[in-house]
Amino acid sequence: MAFEGSATGRVTQEIAPALTAMGYDLVRVHLSGGQRPTLQIMAERLDGQAMTVEDCARISRDVSALLDVADPIPTAYTLEVSSPGIDRPLVREADYARFAGFVARIETDQPIEGRRRFQGRLLGLEEGAVVIRTEKETFRVPYPRIQRAKLVLTDDLIAATVPPVAPN
């Protein structure tokens, strides 16, 4: 998620245990912006239920209190709490196994077999490499080389996330 000594690493260390105790899993911590940066906290419920506005508000209140005490970011910032959403970023190794079978877009920090961008069906994680099948071939992308990755919004992904409708 972040490097140990970085501001995001310090935030992660401060809030991850508290979020777990509250029933949430920390998906991503991201700090961006200039004079007044935005600290994005992305979380999901451990019980698999959809995140609600109330969940985000609860996390925001509790995380804000923790960060006020720990003060891991030396400047003023805006706190933003959200769910990963349906076309979520893939940030942890476990995400690639969890979402195997779905279409993803991956960007690497350096070329892998002559390319930096891959879009195709995730086949999982094998020996530290994400396996992705594009229209023409299958690639093994070393996990440490992945700079950005996210699921692509498809009918399959939508169908997998919409709960079945109970008959009347």
N, C-alpha and C. Protein backbone atom coordinates (compact mmCIF):
# COMPACT_ATOMS: atom_id res chain seq x y z
N MET A 1 0.81 -1.19 0.00
CA MET A 1 0.00 0.00 0.00
C MET A 1 0.85 1.25 0.00
N ALA A 2 1.83 1.29 0.87
CA ALA A 2 2.69 2.48 0.93
C ALA A 2 4.01 2.10 1.56
N PHE A 3 5.00 2.96 1.39
CA PHE A 3 6.31 2.71 2.00
C PHE A 3 6.26 3.07 3.47
N GLU A 4 6.98 2.31 4.26
CA GLU A 4 6.98 2.42 5.71
C GLU A 4 7.20 3.85 6.21
N GLY A 5 8.17 4.57 5.65
CA GLY A 5 8.50 5.90 6.16
C GLY A 5 7.67 7.02 5.57
N SER A 6 6.84 6.75 4.60
CA SER A 6 6.07 7.81 3.95
C SER A 6 4.87 8.21 4.80
N ALA A 7 4.31 9.35 4.46
CA ALA A 7 3.11 9.82 5.18
C ALA A 7 1.97 8.80 5.02
N THR A 8 1.80 8.26 3.82
CA THR A 8 0.72 7.28 3.63
C THR A 8 1.01 6.00 4.42
N GLY A 9 2.27 5.63 4.52
CA GLY A 9 2.64 4.47 5.32
C GLY A 9 2.33 4.68 6.79
N ARG A 10 2.62 5.88 7.29
CA ARG A 10 2.31 6.20 8.69
C ARG A 10 0.80 6.22 8.92
N VAL A 11 0.05 6.77 7.97
CA VAL A 11 -1.42 6.79 8.08
C VAL A 11 -1.93 5.35 8.10
N THR A 12 -1.43 4.53 7.20
CA THR A 12 -1.85 3.13 7.13
C THR A 12 -1.60 2.43 8.46
N GLN A 13 -0.42 2.61 9.03
CA GLN A 13 -0.10 1.98 10.32
C GLN A 13 -1.03 2.45 11.42
N GLU A 14 -1.41 3.72 11.39
CA GLU A 14 -2.28 4.28 12.43
C GLU A 14 -3.71 3.77 12.33
N ILE A 15 -4.25 3.70 11.11
CA ILE A 15 -5.69 3.47 10.98
C ILE A 15 -6.10 2.04 10.65
N ALA A 16 -5.22 1.23 10.06
CA ALA A 16 -5.62 -0.13 9.64
C ALA A 16 -6.16 -0.97 10.80
N PRO A 17 -5.49 -1.03 11.95
CA PRO A 17 -6.03 -1.85 13.05
C PRO A 17 -7.39 -1.33 13.55
N ALA A 18 -7.55 -0.02 13.59
CA ALA A 18 -8.82 0.55 14.06
C ALA A 18 -9.95 0.23 13.08
N LEU A 19 -9.66 0.32 11.78
CA LEU A 19 -10.69 0.00 10.79
C LEU A 19 -11.10 -1.47 10.89
N THR A 20 -10.12 -2.34 11.07
CA THR A 20 -10.43 -3.77 11.21
C THR A 20 -11.32 -3.99 12.43
N ALA A 21 -11.00 -3.35 13.53
CA ALA A 21 -11.81 -3.48 14.75
C ALA A 21 -13.23 -2.95 14.55
N MET A 22 -13.38 -1.98 13.65
CA MET A 22 -14.70 -1.40 13.35
C MET A 22 -15.49 -2.24 12.35
N GLY A 23 -14.83 -3.26 11.74
CA GLY A 23 -15.52 -4.11 10.77
C GLY A 23 -15.26 -3.74 9.32
N TYR A 24 -14.15 -3.05 9.07
CA TYR A 24 -13.80 -2.63 7.71
C TYR A 24 -12.40 -3.11 7.35
N ASP A 25 -12.15 -3.18 6.06
CA ASP A 25 -10.83 -3.52 5.55
C ASP A 25 -10.30 -2.31 4.81
N LEU A 26 -9.09 -1.91 5.11
CA LEU A 26 -8.46 -0.78 4.44
C LEU A 26 -8.01 -1.24 3.06
N VAL A 27 -8.52 -0.59 2.02
CA VAL A 27 -8.18 -0.95 0.64
C VAL A 27 -7.00 -0.11 0.16
N ARG A 28 -7.06 1.20 0.39
CA ARG A 28 -5.99 2.07 -0.11
C ARG A 28 -5.94 3.36 0.69
N VAL A 29 -4.72 3.86 0.85
CA VAL A 29 -4.47 5.20 1.39
C VAL A 29 -3.70 5.93 0.30
N HIS A 30 -4.20 7.10 -0.10
CA HIS A 30 -3.56 7.85 -1.17
C HIS A 30 -3.54 9.33 -0.80
N LEU A 31 -2.39 9.96 -0.93
CA LEU A 31 -2.24 11.38 -0.64
C LEU A 31 -1.89 12.08 -1.94
N SER A 32 -2.68 13.07 -2.31
CA SER A 32 -2.43 13.79 -3.56
C SER A 32 -2.74 15.26 -3.39
N GLY A 33 -2.20 16.06 -4.30
CA GLY A 33 -2.50 17.49 -4.29
C GLY A 33 -1.30 18.31 -3.91
N GLY A 34 -1.51 19.61 -3.92
CA GLY A 34 -0.42 20.55 -3.69
C GLY A 34 -0.47 21.22 -2.34
N GLN A 35 -0.92 22.49 -2.32
CA GLN A 35 -0.88 23.27 -1.08
C GLN A 35 -1.75 22.68 0.01
N ARG A 36 -2.93 22.23 -0.32
CA ARG A 36 -3.80 21.55 0.65
C ARG A 36 -4.12 20.17 0.08
N PRO A 37 -3.29 19.17 0.39
CA PRO A 37 -3.47 17.85 -0.20
C PRO A 37 -4.76 17.16 0.26
N THR A 38 -5.15 16.16 -0.49
CA THR A 38 -6.30 15.33 -0.14
C THR A 38 -5.79 13.96 0.28
N LEU A 39 -6.23 13.52 1.43
CA LEU A 39 -5.92 12.18 1.93
C LEU A 39 -7.13 11.31 1.65
N GLN A 40 -6.96 10.37 0.72
CA GLN A 40 -8.06 9.47 0.37
C GLN A 40 -7.90 8.16 1.13
N ILE A 41 -8.94 7.80 1.86
CA ILE A 41 -9.01 6.52 2.56
C ILE A 41 -10.10 5.72 1.86
N MET A 42 -9.73 4.57 1.33
CA MET A 42 -10.68 3.71 0.64
C MET A 42 -10.83 2.44 1.48
N ALA A 43 -12.06 2.10 1.82
CA ALA A 43 -12.31 0.95 2.68
C ALA A 43 -13.53 0.18 2.19
N GLU A 44 -13.61 -1.08 2.65
CA GLU A 44 -14.78 -1.89 2.36
C GLU A 44 -15.17 -2.65 3.62
N ARG A 45 -16.41 -3.08 3.66
CA ARG A 45 -16.89 -3.80 4.83
C ARG A 45 -16.35 -5.22 4.85
N LEU A 46 -15.98 -5.70 6.02
CA LEU A 46 -15.47 -7.06 6.16
C LEU A 46 -16.57 -8.10 5.94
N ASP A 47 -17.82 -7.72 6.18
CA ASP A 47 -18.93 -8.67 6.02
C ASP A 47 -19.39 -8.81 4.57
N GLY A 48 -18.75 -8.08 3.65
CA GLY A 48 -19.09 -8.19 2.24
C GLY A 48 -20.27 -7.35 1.79
N GLN A 49 -20.92 -6.70 2.73
CA GLN A 49 -22.06 -5.85 2.37
C GLN A 49 -21.57 -4.58 1.69
N ALA A 50 -22.47 -3.92 0.97
CA ALA A 50 -22.11 -2.68 0.29
C ALA A 50 -21.88 -1.57 1.31
N MET A 51 -20.92 -0.72 1.00
CA MET A 51 -20.65 0.45 1.85
C MET A 51 -21.79 1.44 1.69
N THR A 52 -22.11 2.09 2.79
CA THR A 52 -23.16 3.12 2.77
C THR A 52 -22.53 4.47 3.10
N VAL A 53 -23.30 5.51 2.93
CA VAL A 53 -22.86 6.85 3.31
C VAL A 53 -22.58 6.89 4.81
N GLU A 54 -23.39 6.17 5.59
CA GLU A 54 -23.19 6.12 7.03
C GLU A 54 -21.86 5.45 7.39
N ASP A 55 -21.49 4.39 6.64
CA ASP A 55 -20.20 3.74 6.86
C ASP A 55 -19.07 4.74 6.63
N CYS A 56 -19.13 5.46 5.52
CA CYS A 56 -18.08 6.45 5.21
C CYS A 56 -18.02 7.54 6.26
N ALA A 57 -19.17 8.00 6.73
CA ALA A 57 -19.21 9.05 7.76
C ALA A 57 -18.60 8.53 9.06
N ARG A 58 -18.91 7.29 9.43
CA ARG A 58 -18.36 6.70 10.66
C ARG A 58 -16.83 6.59 10.56
N ILE A 59 -16.36 6.09 9.43
CA ILE A 59 -14.92 5.96 9.23
C ILE A 59 -14.27 7.34 9.28
N SER A 60 -14.87 8.30 8.62
CA SER A 60 -14.32 9.66 8.58
C SER A 60 -14.17 10.24 9.99
N ARG A 61 -15.21 10.09 10.81
CA ARG A 61 -15.17 10.61 12.19
C ARG A 61 -14.06 9.93 12.99
N ASP A 62 -14.03 8.61 12.95
CA ASP A 62 -13.08 7.86 13.77
C ASP A 62 -11.64 8.03 13.28
N VAL A 63 -11.44 8.00 11.97
CA VAL A 63 -10.10 8.17 11.40
C VAL A 63 -9.60 9.58 11.66
N SER A 64 -10.48 10.56 11.52
CA SER A 64 -10.10 11.94 11.76
C SER A 64 -9.59 12.12 13.19
N ALA A 65 -10.28 11.52 14.14
CA ALA A 65 -9.86 11.61 15.55
C ALA A 65 -8.49 10.94 15.75
N LEU A 66 -8.29 9.77 15.15
CA LEU A 66 -7.01 9.07 15.26
C LEU A 66 -5.88 9.90 14.66
N LEU A 67 -6.12 10.47 13.48
CA LEU A 67 -5.08 11.23 12.80
C LEU A 67 -4.79 12.56 13.48
N ASP A 68 -5.80 13.13 14.15
CA ASP A 68 -5.56 14.37 14.90
C ASP A 68 -4.55 14.12 16.02
N VAL A 69 -4.64 12.95 16.65
CA VAL A 69 -3.73 12.61 17.75
C VAL A 69 -2.35 12.23 17.21
N ALA A 70 -2.32 11.35 16.20
CA ALA A 70 -1.05 10.84 15.66
C ALA A 70 -0.31 11.88 14.82
N ASP A 71 -1.05 12.73 14.13
CA ASP A 71 -0.51 13.80 13.29
C ASP A 71 0.57 13.32 12.31
N PRO A 72 0.24 12.31 11.45
CA PRO A 72 1.25 11.77 10.54
C PRO A 72 1.51 12.63 9.30
N ILE A 73 0.66 13.62 9.07
CA ILE A 73 0.83 14.51 7.92
C ILE A 73 1.07 15.92 8.45
N PRO A 74 2.23 16.50 8.17
CA PRO A 74 2.63 17.76 8.80
C PRO A 74 1.86 19.00 8.33
N THR A 75 1.12 18.90 7.22
CA THR A 75 0.39 20.06 6.71
C THR A 75 -1.11 19.83 6.82
N ALA A 76 -1.87 20.89 6.60
CA ALA A 76 -3.33 20.76 6.56
C ALA A 76 -3.71 19.94 5.33
N TYR A 77 -4.75 19.13 5.45
CA TYR A 77 -5.19 18.30 4.33
C TYR A 77 -6.69 18.10 4.42
N THR A 78 -7.28 17.64 3.33
CA THR A 78 -8.70 17.31 3.27
C THR A 78 -8.81 15.79 3.33
N LEU A 79 -9.65 15.28 4.22
CA LEU A 79 -9.86 13.84 4.35
C LEU A 79 -11.05 13.45 3.49
N GLU A 80 -10.85 12.42 2.67
CA GLU A 80 -11.91 11.90 1.81
C GLU A 80 -12.00 10.40 2.06
N VAL A 81 -13.18 9.92 2.44
CA VAL A 81 -13.39 8.50 2.68
C VAL A 81 -14.37 7.98 1.65
N SER A 82 -14.03 6.84 1.03
CA SER A 82 -14.91 6.27 0.01
C SER A 82 -14.80 4.76 0.00
N SER A 83 -15.73 4.15 -0.71
CA SER A 83 -15.65 2.71 -0.98
C SER A 83 -14.86 2.54 -2.27
N PRO A 84 -14.35 1.34 -2.53
CA PRO A 84 -13.59 1.15 -3.76
C PRO A 84 -14.46 1.23 -5.01
N GLY A 85 -15.76 1.03 -4.90
CA GLY A 85 -16.65 1.09 -6.06
C GLY A 85 -16.59 -0.20 -6.87
N ILE A 86 -17.43 -0.28 -7.85
CA ILE A 86 -17.54 -1.50 -8.65
C ILE A 86 -16.32 -1.70 -9.54
N ASP A 87 -15.81 -0.62 -10.14
CA ASP A 87 -14.62 -0.73 -10.99
C ASP A 87 -13.40 -0.31 -10.17
N ARG A 88 -13.25 -1.00 -9.09
CA ARG A 88 -12.29 -0.70 -8.03
C ARG A 88 -10.83 -0.81 -8.46
N PRO A 89 -9.97 -0.08 -7.76
CA PRO A 89 -8.54 -0.28 -7.99
C PRO A 89 -8.11 -1.63 -7.40
N LEU A 90 -7.13 -2.21 -7.99
CA LEU A 90 -6.53 -3.45 -7.49
C LEU A 90 -5.19 -3.05 -6.88
N VAL A 91 -5.07 -3.15 -5.57
CA VAL A 91 -3.88 -2.63 -4.90
C VAL A 91 -3.11 -3.67 -4.09
N ARG A 92 -3.78 -4.76 -3.73
CA ARG A 92 -3.13 -5.79 -2.93
C ARG A 92 -3.00 -7.07 -3.76
N GLU A 93 -2.01 -7.87 -3.45
CA GLU A 93 -1.85 -9.14 -4.18
C GLU A 93 -3.13 -9.95 -4.13
N ALA A 94 -3.78 -9.99 -2.99
CA ALA A 94 -5.00 -10.78 -2.83
C ALA A 94 -6.12 -10.32 -3.77
N ASP A 95 -6.11 -9.05 -4.17
CA ASP A 95 -7.13 -8.54 -5.09
C ASP A 95 -7.11 -9.29 -6.42
N TYR A 96 -5.91 -9.66 -6.88
CA TYR A 96 -5.79 -10.32 -8.18
C TYR A 96 -6.33 -11.74 -8.15
N ALA A 97 -6.24 -12.40 -7.02
CA ALA A 97 -6.84 -13.72 -6.87
C ALA A 97 -8.35 -13.59 -6.67
N ARG A 98 -8.75 -12.64 -5.85
CA ARG A 98 -10.16 -12.43 -5.55
C ARG A 98 -10.97 -12.09 -6.79
N PHE A 99 -10.39 -11.31 -7.69
CA PHE A 99 -11.13 -10.86 -8.87
C PHE A 99 -10.72 -11.59 -10.15
N ALA A 100 -10.11 -12.77 -10.00
CA ALA A 100 -9.78 -13.59 -11.17
C ALA A 100 -11.07 -13.88 -11.93
N GLY A 101 -10.98 -13.81 -13.25
CA GLY A 101 -12.16 -14.03 -14.09
C GLY A 101 -12.76 -12.75 -14.62
N PHE A 102 -12.42 -11.62 -14.00
CA PHE A 102 -12.94 -10.33 -14.44
C PHE A 102 -11.91 -9.60 -15.29
N VAL A 103 -12.37 -8.64 -16.06
CA VAL A 103 -11.50 -7.85 -16.92
C VAL A 103 -10.86 -6.73 -16.10
N ALA A 104 -9.56 -6.54 -16.31
CA ALA A 104 -8.82 -5.51 -15.59
C ALA A 104 -7.92 -4.75 -16.56
N ARG A 105 -7.53 -3.57 -16.13
CA ARG A 105 -6.55 -2.75 -16.86
C ARG A 105 -5.36 -2.58 -15.92
N ILE A 106 -4.17 -2.90 -16.41
CA ILE A 106 -2.95 -2.84 -15.62
C ILE A 106 -1.93 -1.96 -16.33
N GLU A 107 -1.26 -1.11 -15.56
CA GLU A 107 -0.17 -0.28 -16.08
C GLU A 107 1.07 -0.55 -15.24
N THR A 108 2.21 -0.75 -15.90
CA THR A 108 3.45 -1.06 -15.19
C THR A 108 4.40 0.13 -15.18
N ASP A 109 5.39 0.08 -14.31
CA ASP A 109 6.37 1.15 -14.21
C ASP A 109 7.47 1.03 -15.26
N GLN A 110 7.57 -0.12 -15.88
CA GLN A 110 8.54 -0.33 -16.96
C GLN A 110 7.97 -1.40 -17.89
N PRO A 111 8.43 -1.45 -19.13
CA PRO A 111 7.87 -2.41 -20.09
C PRO A 111 8.06 -3.87 -19.65
N ILE A 112 7.04 -4.65 -19.88
CA ILE A 112 7.05 -6.09 -19.67
C ILE A 112 6.75 -6.68 -21.06
N GLU A 113 7.66 -7.43 -21.59
CA GLU A 113 7.52 -7.99 -22.93
C GLU A 113 7.16 -6.89 -23.94
N GLY A 114 7.79 -5.73 -23.78
CA GLY A 114 7.64 -4.64 -24.73
C GLY A 114 6.44 -3.74 -24.54
N ARG A 115 5.69 -3.92 -23.48
CA ARG A 115 4.51 -3.05 -23.27
C ARG A 115 4.35 -2.70 -21.80
N ARG A 116 3.68 -1.56 -21.57
CA ARG A 116 3.43 -1.10 -20.20
C ARG A 116 1.95 -1.17 -19.83
N ARG A 117 1.07 -1.33 -20.80
CA ARG A 117 -0.38 -1.36 -20.53
C ARG A 117 -0.96 -2.69 -21.00
N PHE A 118 -1.80 -3.25 -20.13
CA PHE A 118 -2.42 -4.54 -20.41
C PHE A 118 -3.90 -4.44 -20.06
N GLN A 119 -4.76 -4.95 -20.91
CA GLN A 119 -6.17 -5.05 -20.57
C GLN A 119 -6.63 -6.42 -21.00
N GLY A 120 -7.25 -7.13 -20.06
CA GLY A 120 -7.74 -8.47 -20.36
C GLY A 120 -8.31 -9.12 -19.12
N ARG A 121 -8.55 -10.41 -19.24
CA ARG A 121 -9.16 -11.16 -18.15
C ARG A 121 -8.09 -11.61 -17.16
N LEU A 122 -8.32 -11.29 -15.90
CA LEU A 122 -7.39 -11.72 -14.85
C LEU A 122 -7.50 -13.23 -14.67
N LEU A 123 -6.37 -13.88 -14.62
CA LEU A 123 -6.35 -15.33 -14.39
C LEU A 123 -5.81 -15.66 -13.00
N GLY A 124 -5.46 -14.63 -12.24
CA GLY A 124 -5.00 -14.84 -10.88
C GLY A 124 -3.57 -14.42 -10.67
N LEU A 125 -2.99 -14.93 -9.60
CA LEU A 125 -1.63 -14.60 -9.20
C LEU A 125 -0.85 -15.91 -9.08
N GLU A 126 0.29 -15.98 -9.75
CA GLU A 126 1.13 -17.18 -9.69
C GLU A 126 2.58 -16.78 -9.44
N GLU A 127 3.14 -17.26 -8.35
CA GLU A 127 4.55 -17.04 -8.02
C GLU A 127 4.95 -15.56 -8.12
N GLY A 128 4.12 -14.68 -7.55
CA GLY A 128 4.44 -13.26 -7.51
C GLY A 128 4.16 -12.50 -8.79
N ALA A 129 3.48 -13.13 -9.74
CA ALA A 129 3.15 -12.45 -10.99
C ALA A 129 1.64 -12.52 -11.24
N VAL A 130 1.08 -11.42 -11.71
CA VAL A 130 -0.32 -11.37 -12.08
C VAL A 130 -0.43 -11.94 -13.49
N VAL A 131 -1.33 -12.87 -13.67
CA VAL A 131 -1.53 -13.48 -14.98
C VAL A 131 -2.78 -12.86 -15.59
N ILE A 132 -2.60 -12.30 -16.81
CA ILE A 132 -3.69 -11.62 -17.49
C ILE A 132 -3.72 -12.08 -18.95
N ARG A 133 -4.92 -12.44 -19.43
CA ARG A 133 -5.08 -12.89 -20.81
C ARG A 133 -5.71 -11.76 -21.63
N THR A 134 -4.95 -11.22 -22.57
CA THR A 134 -5.48 -10.19 -23.47
C THR A 134 -6.16 -10.89 -24.64
N GLU A 135 -6.61 -10.13 -25.62
CA GLU A 135 -7.27 -10.73 -26.78
C GLU A 135 -6.34 -11.68 -27.53
N LYS A 136 -5.04 -11.39 -27.53
CA LYS A 136 -4.11 -12.16 -28.36
C LYS A 136 -3.22 -13.13 -27.59
N GLU A 137 -2.87 -12.80 -26.33
CA GLU A 137 -1.95 -13.67 -25.61
C GLU A 137 -2.08 -13.49 -24.09
N THR A 138 -1.37 -14.36 -23.37
CA THR A 138 -1.37 -14.32 -21.91
C THR A 138 -0.03 -13.78 -21.44
N PHE A 139 -0.09 -12.88 -20.43
CA PHE A 139 1.12 -12.26 -19.89
C PHE A 139 1.22 -12.55 -18.40
N ARG A 140 2.46 -12.61 -17.94
CA ARG A 140 2.76 -12.69 -16.51
C ARG A 140 3.41 -11.36 -16.14
N VAL A 141 2.71 -10.58 -15.35
CA VAL A 141 3.18 -9.25 -14.96
C VAL A 141 3.66 -9.32 -13.51
N PRO A 142 4.95 -9.14 -13.26
CA PRO A 142 5.44 -9.19 -11.88
C PRO A 142 4.70 -8.15 -11.01
N TYR A 143 4.17 -8.63 -9.90
CA TYR A 143 3.39 -7.75 -9.02
C TYR A 143 4.14 -6.46 -8.65
N PRO A 144 5.43 -6.52 -8.30
CA PRO A 144 6.13 -5.28 -7.92
C PRO A 144 6.24 -4.25 -9.06
N ARG A 145 6.04 -4.67 -10.30
CA ARG A 145 6.14 -3.76 -11.45
C ARG A 145 4.83 -3.01 -11.71
N ILE A 146 3.75 -3.42 -11.05
CA ILE A 146 2.45 -2.80 -11.31
C ILE A 146 2.39 -1.43 -10.65
N GLN A 147 2.12 -0.44 -11.49
CA GLN A 147 2.01 0.94 -11.02
C GLN A 147 0.55 1.28 -10.70
N ARG A 148 -0.35 0.88 -11.58
CA ARG A 148 -1.79 1.11 -11.39
C ARG A 148 -2.55 -0.06 -11.98
N ALA A 149 -3.66 -0.40 -11.34
CA ALA A 149 -4.52 -1.45 -11.87
C ALA A 149 -5.93 -1.23 -11.35
N LYS A 150 -6.90 -1.57 -12.18
CA LYS A 150 -8.29 -1.46 -11.75
C LYS A 150 -9.14 -2.41 -12.56
N LEU A 151 -10.28 -2.76 -12.00
CA LEU A 151 -11.25 -3.55 -12.74
C LEU A 151 -11.90 -2.68 -13.79
N VAL A 152 -12.30 -3.31 -14.87
CA VAL A 152 -13.00 -2.61 -15.95
C VAL A 152 -14.48 -2.92 -15.80
N LEU A 153 -15.31 -1.91 -15.88
CA LEU A 153 -16.76 -2.07 -15.75
C LEU A 153 -17.29 -2.86 -16.94
N THR A 154 -17.76 -4.07 -16.67
CA THR A 154 -18.33 -4.94 -17.70
C THR A 154 -19.66 -5.49 -17.20
N ASP A 155 -20.43 -6.08 -18.11
CA ASP A 155 -21.69 -6.71 -17.70
C ASP A 155 -21.44 -7.83 -16.69
N ASP A 156 -20.35 -8.59 -16.88
CA ASP A 156 -20.01 -9.67 -15.94
C ASP A 156 -19.76 -9.12 -14.53
N LEU A 157 -19.04 -8.03 -14.44
CA LEU A 157 -18.73 -7.43 -13.15
C LEU A 157 -20.00 -6.90 -12.49
N ILE A 158 -20.84 -6.25 -13.27
CA ILE A 158 -22.11 -5.74 -12.73
C ILE A 158 -22.96 -6.88 -12.21
N ALA A 159 -23.08 -7.95 -13.01
CA ALA A 159 -23.90 -9.10 -12.61
C ALA A 159 -23.38 -9.73 -11.32
N ALA A 160 -22.06 -9.74 -11.15
CA ALA A 160 -21.48 -10.36 -9.95
C ALA A 160 -21.66 -9.52 -8.70
N THR A 161 -21.93 -8.23 -8.86
CA THR A 161 -22.04 -7.36 -7.69
C THR A 161 -23.47 -6.99 -7.34
N VAL A 162 -24.42 -7.26 -8.22
CA VAL A 162 -25.82 -6.94 -7.95
C VAL A 162 -26.44 -8.13 -7.25
N PRO A 163 -27.00 -7.90 -6.05
CA PRO A 163 -27.62 -9.03 -5.34
C PRO A 163 -28.85 -9.53 -6.10
N PRO A 164 -29.12 -10.83 -6.03
CA PRO A 164 -30.29 -11.37 -6.74
C PRO A 164 -31.58 -10.79 -6.17
N VAL A 165 -32.56 -10.62 -7.03
CA VAL A 165 -33.86 -10.08 -6.63
C VAL A 165 -34.71 -11.24 -6.12
N ALA A 166 -35.26 -11.07 -4.92
CA ALA A 166 -36.10 -12.11 -4.34
C ALA A 166 -37.45 -12.12 -5.04
N PRO A 167 -37.97 -13.31 -5.33
CA PRO A 167 -39.29 -13.38 -5.98
C PRO A 167 -40.38 -12.88 -5.01
N ASN A 168 -41.43 -12.32 -5.60
CA ASN A 168 -42.55 -11.79 -4.77
C ASN A 168 -43.41 -12.88 -4.24
